[in-house]
Structure formats: C-alpha cells, structure tokens
Amino acid sequence: MFEFQKLCNEVEALDPAHRAALIAEKAVSVIAGVHALGIDGIDPVETLAAFVIGSVVSDGVVSEKDLLGIEPSLVKAFGEACDLYGIEHSFKVSKDVKKEIANYTQAVHSIVWAADEQLAADIVLLCLLLTSVDGKVSLKEKRYVKQLCTA
C-alpha cells in the first residue's frame, strides 16, 4: 500500500496550518468514499471518530484530558454533528473499554477491506493526521493505526 513509517514522518513534519487543511480535505473525501461503499450498520463519522478516540484510550482509560486534546481536530474533520461525548459515554459505560475499542476497530477494518487502495490510504492518513494533533505520532498511536495497513 505505502510505506507507513515514511507517512508518519511526513505527518509529524507538517505545520499546524497545513495539518488542519489536510484534515479538512481528507475528511471530506474519506467520509464521501465510505458513504459510497454503502456498508450496512456502519455510520462512517461515528466509526472513524471512535476509532481515532480509541487511539488515545487504547490503554482502557477514558481521560477527559485526552478527549479534550483531540476534540478540536475531530470536530474539524467530522463537523459539529460528530457526537464526541456520545462516543465517550459509550466507552465509559462499557464494562470493557478495550472490547468497545475492538468493536469500532473491527468496523474500520470492514471499511478498509471494502475500500479501494486510495480510499484505504486516505483513511490511514486521516487517522494519523488526527492522532498527531500535538505534532507527534506516539509509538502507541503508530501501532494502533498501523493495524489498518494489514486489514
């Protein structure tokens, strides 16, 4: 598909303005592409937003600090209609946060499996852009997003 580490390095090198513009551009194309796939039972916005949130809560703990850190980028990508607190609530009420993350991850895998190569690459790029709002893609975030490359 593409060289994952090279993509991570390119994402980390982006200045905030370019990152924001790329998030907006890729979000539009990814959401349109996923909608066009017509996968029953999968809301593209909720699923992709929850997957990205999963990258910051993959340790099983939902922290308000983590959610607030990623919220502006998710709203920029998915709009005000993105119910971040509904997603956060689903993680918090779940007896097993890791299981909830696994459910969203499986849904994103379903999207990537059904997508063509360009859409799959754009999904990975968008996830990296959103998880790197602090200018870094942590090792944990890299492992989490990289699993899409083997979907």
C-alpha atoms as a PDB file:
ATOM      1  CA  MET A   1       0.000   0.000   0.000  1.00  0.00           C
ATOM      2  CA  PHE A   2       2.558   2.622   1.118  1.00  0.00           C
ATOM      3  CA  GLU A   3       5.483   2.993   3.477  1.00  0.00           C
ATOM      4  CA  PHE A   4       3.846   3.532   6.862  1.00  0.00           C
ATOM      5  CA  GLN A   5       6.846   4.950   8.751  1.00  0.00           C
ATOM      6  CA  LYS A   6       7.573   7.417   5.943  1.00  0.00           C
ATOM      7  CA  LEU A   7       3.956   8.591   6.117  1.00  0.00           C
ATOM      8  CA  CYS A   8       4.237   9.016   9.903  1.00  0.00           C
ATOM      9  CA  ASN A   9       7.362  11.141   9.443  1.00  0.00           C
ATOM     10  CA  GLU A  10       5.639  13.296   6.821  1.00  0.00           C
ATOM     11  CA  VAL A  11       2.621  13.823   9.076  1.00  0.00           C
ATOM     12  CA  GLU A  12       4.833  14.811  12.012  1.00  0.00           C
ATOM     13  CA  ALA A  13       6.691  17.334   9.832  1.00  0.00           C
ATOM     14  CA  LEU A  14       3.506  19.224   8.892  1.00  0.00           C
ATOM     15  CA  ASP A  15       2.981  22.694  10.300  1.00  0.00           C
ATOM     16  CA  PRO A  16      -0.363  23.199  12.120  1.00  0.00           C
ATOM     17  CA  ALA A  17      -1.975  25.173   9.268  1.00  0.00           C
ATOM     18  CA  HIS A  18      -1.109  22.561   6.636  1.00  0.00           C
ATOM     19  CA  ARG A  19      -2.217  19.753   9.002  1.00  0.00           C
ATOM     20  CA  ALA A  20      -5.580  21.487   9.529  1.00  0.00           C
ATOM     21  CA  ALA A  21      -6.086  21.963   5.784  1.00  0.00           C
ATOM     22  CA  LEU A  22      -5.206  18.329   5.078  1.00  0.00           C
ATOM     23  CA  ILE A  23      -7.566  17.120   7.830  1.00  0.00           C
ATOM     24  CA  ALA A  24     -10.431  19.077   6.268  1.00  0.00           C
ATOM     25  CA  GLU A  25      -9.606  17.849   2.747  1.00  0.00           C
ATOM     26  CA  LYS A  26      -9.146  14.186   3.671  1.00  0.00           C
ATOM     27  CA  ALA A  27     -12.173  14.104   5.969  1.00  0.00           C
ATOM     28  CA  VAL A  28     -14.450  15.195   3.131  1.00  0.00           C
ATOM     29  CA  SER A  29     -13.069  12.630   0.683  1.00  0.00           C
ATOM     30  CA  VAL A  30     -12.942   9.806   3.246  1.00  0.00           C
ATOM     31  CA  ILE A  31     -16.483  10.343   4.502  1.00  0.00           C
ATOM     32  CA  ALA A  32     -17.821  10.579   0.936  1.00  0.00           C
ATOM     33  CA  GLY A  33     -15.872   7.460  -0.044  1.00  0.00           C
ATOM     34  CA  VAL A  34     -17.055   5.462   2.947  1.00  0.00           C
ATOM     35  CA  HIS A  35     -20.668   6.551   2.399  1.00  0.00           C
ATOM     36  CA  ALA A  36     -20.361   5.402  -1.228  1.00  0.00           C
ATOM     37  CA  LEU A  37     -19.329   1.934  -0.034  1.00  0.00           C
ATOM     38  CA  GLY A  38     -22.800   1.578   1.495  1.00  0.00           C
ATOM     39  CA  ILE A  39     -21.791  -0.780   4.302  1.00  0.00           C
ATOM     40  CA  ASP A  40     -24.905  -1.614   6.318  1.00  0.00           C
ATOM     41  CA  GLY A  41     -24.807  -0.832  10.027  1.00  0.00           C
ATOM     42  CA  ILE A  42     -21.747   1.421   9.882  1.00  0.00           C
ATOM     43  CA  ASP A  43     -22.010   5.160  10.407  1.00  0.00           C
ATOM     44  CA  PRO A  44     -18.787   6.444   8.811  1.00  0.00           C
ATOM     45  CA  VAL A  45     -18.454   9.537  11.000  1.00  0.00           C
ATOM     46  CA  GLU A  46     -19.126   7.784  14.299  1.00  0.00           C
ATOM     47  CA  THR A  47     -16.975   4.788  13.396  1.00  0.00           C
ATOM     48  CA  LEU A  48     -13.956   6.790  12.217  1.00  0.00           C
ATOM     49  CA  ALA A  49     -14.201   9.264  15.118  1.00  0.00           C
ATOM     50  CA  ALA A  50     -14.485   6.412  17.632  1.00  0.00           C
ATOM     51  CA  PHE A  51     -11.518   4.648  16.053  1.00  0.00           C
ATOM     52  CA  VAL A  52      -9.389   7.791  16.424  1.00  0.00           C
ATOM     53  CA  ILE A  53     -10.597   8.304  20.001  1.00  0.00           C
ATOM     54  CA  GLY A  54      -9.671   4.667  20.565  1.00  0.00           C
ATOM     55  CA  SER A  55      -6.070   5.548  19.776  1.00  0.00           C
ATOM     56  CA  VAL A  56      -5.936   7.807  22.818  1.00  0.00           C
ATOM     57  CA  VAL A  57      -7.896   5.467  25.086  1.00  0.00           C
ATOM     58  CA  SER A  58      -6.403   2.194  23.888  1.00  0.00           C
ATOM     59  CA  ASP A  59      -4.950   1.690  27.342  1.00  0.00           C
ATOM     60  CA  GLY A  60      -8.530   1.209  28.577  1.00  0.00           C
ATOM     61  CA  VAL A  61      -8.814   4.552  30.378  1.00  0.00           C
ATOM     62  CA  VAL A  62     -11.014   7.385  29.113  1.00  0.00           C
ATOM     63  CA  SER A  63      -9.388  10.613  30.277  1.00  0.00           C
ATOM     64  CA  GLU A  64     -11.101  13.976  29.903  1.00  0.00           C
ATOM     65  CA  LYS A  65      -7.675  15.480  29.111  1.00  0.00           C
ATOM     66  CA  ASP A  66      -7.131  13.052  26.226  1.00  0.00           C
ATOM     67  CA  LEU A  67     -10.596  13.690  24.817  1.00  0.00           C
ATOM     68  CA  LEU A  68     -10.229  17.482  25.059  1.00  0.00           C
ATOM     69  CA  GLY A  69      -6.872  17.256  23.288  1.00  0.00           C
ATOM     70  CA  ILE A  70      -8.282  15.530  20.247  1.00  0.00           C
ATOM     71  CA  GLU A  71     -11.754  17.119  20.169  1.00  0.00           C
ATOM     72  CA  PRO A  72     -10.924  20.204  18.043  1.00  0.00           C
ATOM     73  CA  SER A  73      -9.417  18.092  15.275  1.00  0.00           C
ATOM     74  CA  LEU A  74     -12.315  15.640  15.290  1.00  0.00           C
ATOM     75  CA  VAL A  75     -14.821  18.489  15.052  1.00  0.00           C
ATOM     76  CA  LYS A  76     -12.769  19.997  12.213  1.00  0.00           C
ATOM     77  CA  ALA A  77     -12.760  16.649  10.414  1.00  0.00           C
ATOM     78  CA  PHE A  78     -16.267  15.445  11.081  1.00  0.00           C
ATOM     79  CA  GLY A  79     -18.199  18.610  11.923  1.00  0.00           C
ATOM     80  CA  GLU A  80     -20.373  19.602  14.817  1.00  0.00           C
ATOM     81  CA  ALA A  81     -22.628  16.626  14.133  1.00  0.00           C
ATOM     82  CA  CYS A  82     -19.898  14.342  15.432  1.00  0.00           C
ATOM     83  CA  ASP A  83     -21.191  13.278  18.849  1.00  0.00           C
ATOM     84  CA  LEU A  84     -17.881  13.078  20.711  1.00  0.00           C
ATOM     85  CA  TYR A  85     -19.498  12.923  24.095  1.00  0.00           C
ATOM     86  CA  GLY A  86     -21.849  10.172  22.960  1.00  0.00           C
ATOM     87  CA  ILE A  87     -18.838   8.186  21.826  1.00  0.00           C
ATOM     88  CA  GLU A  88     -17.010   8.999  25.061  1.00  0.00           C
ATOM     89  CA  HIS A  89     -20.091   7.889  27.003  1.00  0.00           C
ATOM     90  CA  SER A  90     -20.190   4.578  25.121  1.00  0.00           C
ATOM     91  CA  PHE A  91     -16.583   3.981  26.197  1.00  0.00           C
ATOM     92  CA  LYS A  92     -17.291   4.965  29.804  1.00  0.00           C
ATOM     93  CA  VAL A  93     -20.439   2.884  30.258  1.00  0.00           C
ATOM     94  CA  SER A  94     -18.876  -0.124  28.635  1.00  0.00           C
ATOM     95  CA  LYS A  95     -17.769  -2.677  31.186  1.00  0.00           C
ATOM     96  CA  ASP A  96     -14.824  -3.368  28.936  1.00  0.00           C
ATOM     97  CA  VAL A  97     -13.433  -0.298  27.180  1.00  0.00           C
ATOM     98  CA  LYS A  98     -10.969  -2.435  25.257  1.00  0.00           C
ATOM     99  CA  LYS A  99     -13.855  -4.515  23.885  1.00  0.00           C
ATOM    100  CA  GLU A 100     -15.651  -1.331  22.792  1.00  0.00           C
ATOM    101  CA  ILE A 101     -12.474  -0.178  21.036  1.00  0.00           C
ATOM    102  CA  ALA A 102     -12.165  -3.601  19.395  1.00  0.00           C
ATOM    103  CA  ASN A 103     -15.743  -3.286  18.054  1.00  0.00           C
ATOM    104  CA  TYR A 104     -15.002   0.080  16.429  1.00  0.00           C
ATOM    105  CA  THR A 105     -11.668  -1.225  15.149  1.00  0.00           C
ATOM    106  CA  GLN A 106     -13.430  -4.168  13.519  1.00  0.00           C
ATOM    107  CA  ALA A 107     -15.866  -1.754  11.876  1.00  0.00           C
ATOM    108  CA  VAL A 108     -13.000   0.335  10.483  1.00  0.00           C
ATOM    109  CA  HIS A 109     -11.349  -2.869   9.236  1.00  0.00           C
ATOM    110  CA  SER A 110     -14.602  -3.671   7.412  1.00  0.00           C
ATOM    111  CA  ILE A 111     -14.443  -0.268   5.769  1.00  0.00           C
ATOM    112  CA  VAL A 112     -10.793  -0.693   4.761  1.00  0.00           C
ATOM    113  CA  TRP A 113     -11.457  -4.208   3.385  1.00  0.00           C
ATOM    114  CA  ALA A 114     -14.262  -2.841   1.209  1.00  0.00           C
ATOM    115  CA  ALA A 115     -12.324   0.256   0.114  1.00  0.00           C
ATOM    116  CA  ASP A 116     -10.091   0.643  -2.893  1.00  0.00           C
ATOM    117  CA  GLU A 117      -6.394   1.270  -2.302  1.00  0.00           C
ATOM    118  CA  GLN A 118      -6.666   5.077  -2.483  1.00  0.00           C
ATOM    119  CA  LEU A 119      -9.553   5.290  -0.013  1.00  0.00           C
ATOM    120  CA  ALA A 120      -7.773   2.900   2.371  1.00  0.00           C
ATOM    121  CA  ALA A 121      -4.614   5.035   2.181  1.00  0.00           C
ATOM    122  CA  ASP A 122      -6.664   8.191   2.812  1.00  0.00           C
ATOM    123  CA  ILE A 123      -8.303   6.586   5.868  1.00  0.00           C
ATOM    124  CA  VAL A 124      -4.884   5.746   7.315  1.00  0.00           C
ATOM    125  CA  LEU A 125      -3.614   9.260   6.543  1.00  0.00           C
ATOM    126  CA  LEU A 126      -6.661  10.882   8.156  1.00  0.00           C
ATOM    127  CA  CYS A 127      -6.246   8.763  11.279  1.00  0.00           C
ATOM    128  CA  LEU A 128      -2.565   9.720  11.502  1.00  0.00           C
ATOM    129  CA  LEU A 129      -3.378  13.401  10.994  1.00  0.00           C
ATOM    130  CA  LEU A 130      -5.965  13.284  13.773  1.00  0.00           C
ATOM    131  CA  THR A 131      -3.803  11.373  16.231  1.00  0.00           C
ATOM    132  CA  SER A 132      -0.873  13.713  15.637  1.00  0.00           C
ATOM    133  CA  VAL A 133      -2.529  16.978  16.639  1.00  0.00           C
ATOM    134  CA  ASP A 134       0.355  17.539  19.064  1.00  0.00           C
ATOM    135  CA  GLY A 135       2.848  17.204  16.194  1.00  0.00           C
ATOM    136  CA  LYS A 136       3.882  13.666  17.121  1.00  0.00           C
ATOM    137  CA  VAL A 137       2.599  10.209  16.365  1.00  0.00           C
ATOM    138  CA  SER A 138       3.406   8.237  19.501  1.00  0.00           C
ATOM    139  CA  LEU A 139       4.534   4.631  19.311  1.00  0.00           C
ATOM    140  CA  LYS A 140       1.181   3.571  20.759  1.00  0.00           C
ATOM    141  CA  GLU A 141      -0.669   5.588  18.119  1.00  0.00           C
ATOM    142  CA  LYS A 142       1.528   4.180  15.342  1.00  0.00           C
ATOM    143  CA  ARG A 143       0.813   0.603  16.406  1.00  0.00           C
ATOM    144  CA  TYR A 144      -2.882   1.354  16.707  1.00  0.00           C
ATOM    145  CA  VAL A 145      -3.245   2.974  13.271  1.00  0.00           C
ATOM    146  CA  LYS A 146      -0.817   0.612  11.539  1.00  0.00           C
ATOM    147  CA  GLN A 147      -3.175  -2.299  12.146  1.00  0.00           C
ATOM    148  CA  LEU A 148      -5.316  -0.818   9.354  1.00  0.00           C
ATOM    149  CA  CYS A 149      -2.494  -1.469   6.908  1.00  0.00           C
ATOM    150  CA  THR A 150      -2.913  -5.197   7.449  1.00  0.00           C
ATOM    151  CA  ALA A 151      -6.705  -5.112   7.168  1.00  0.00           C
END
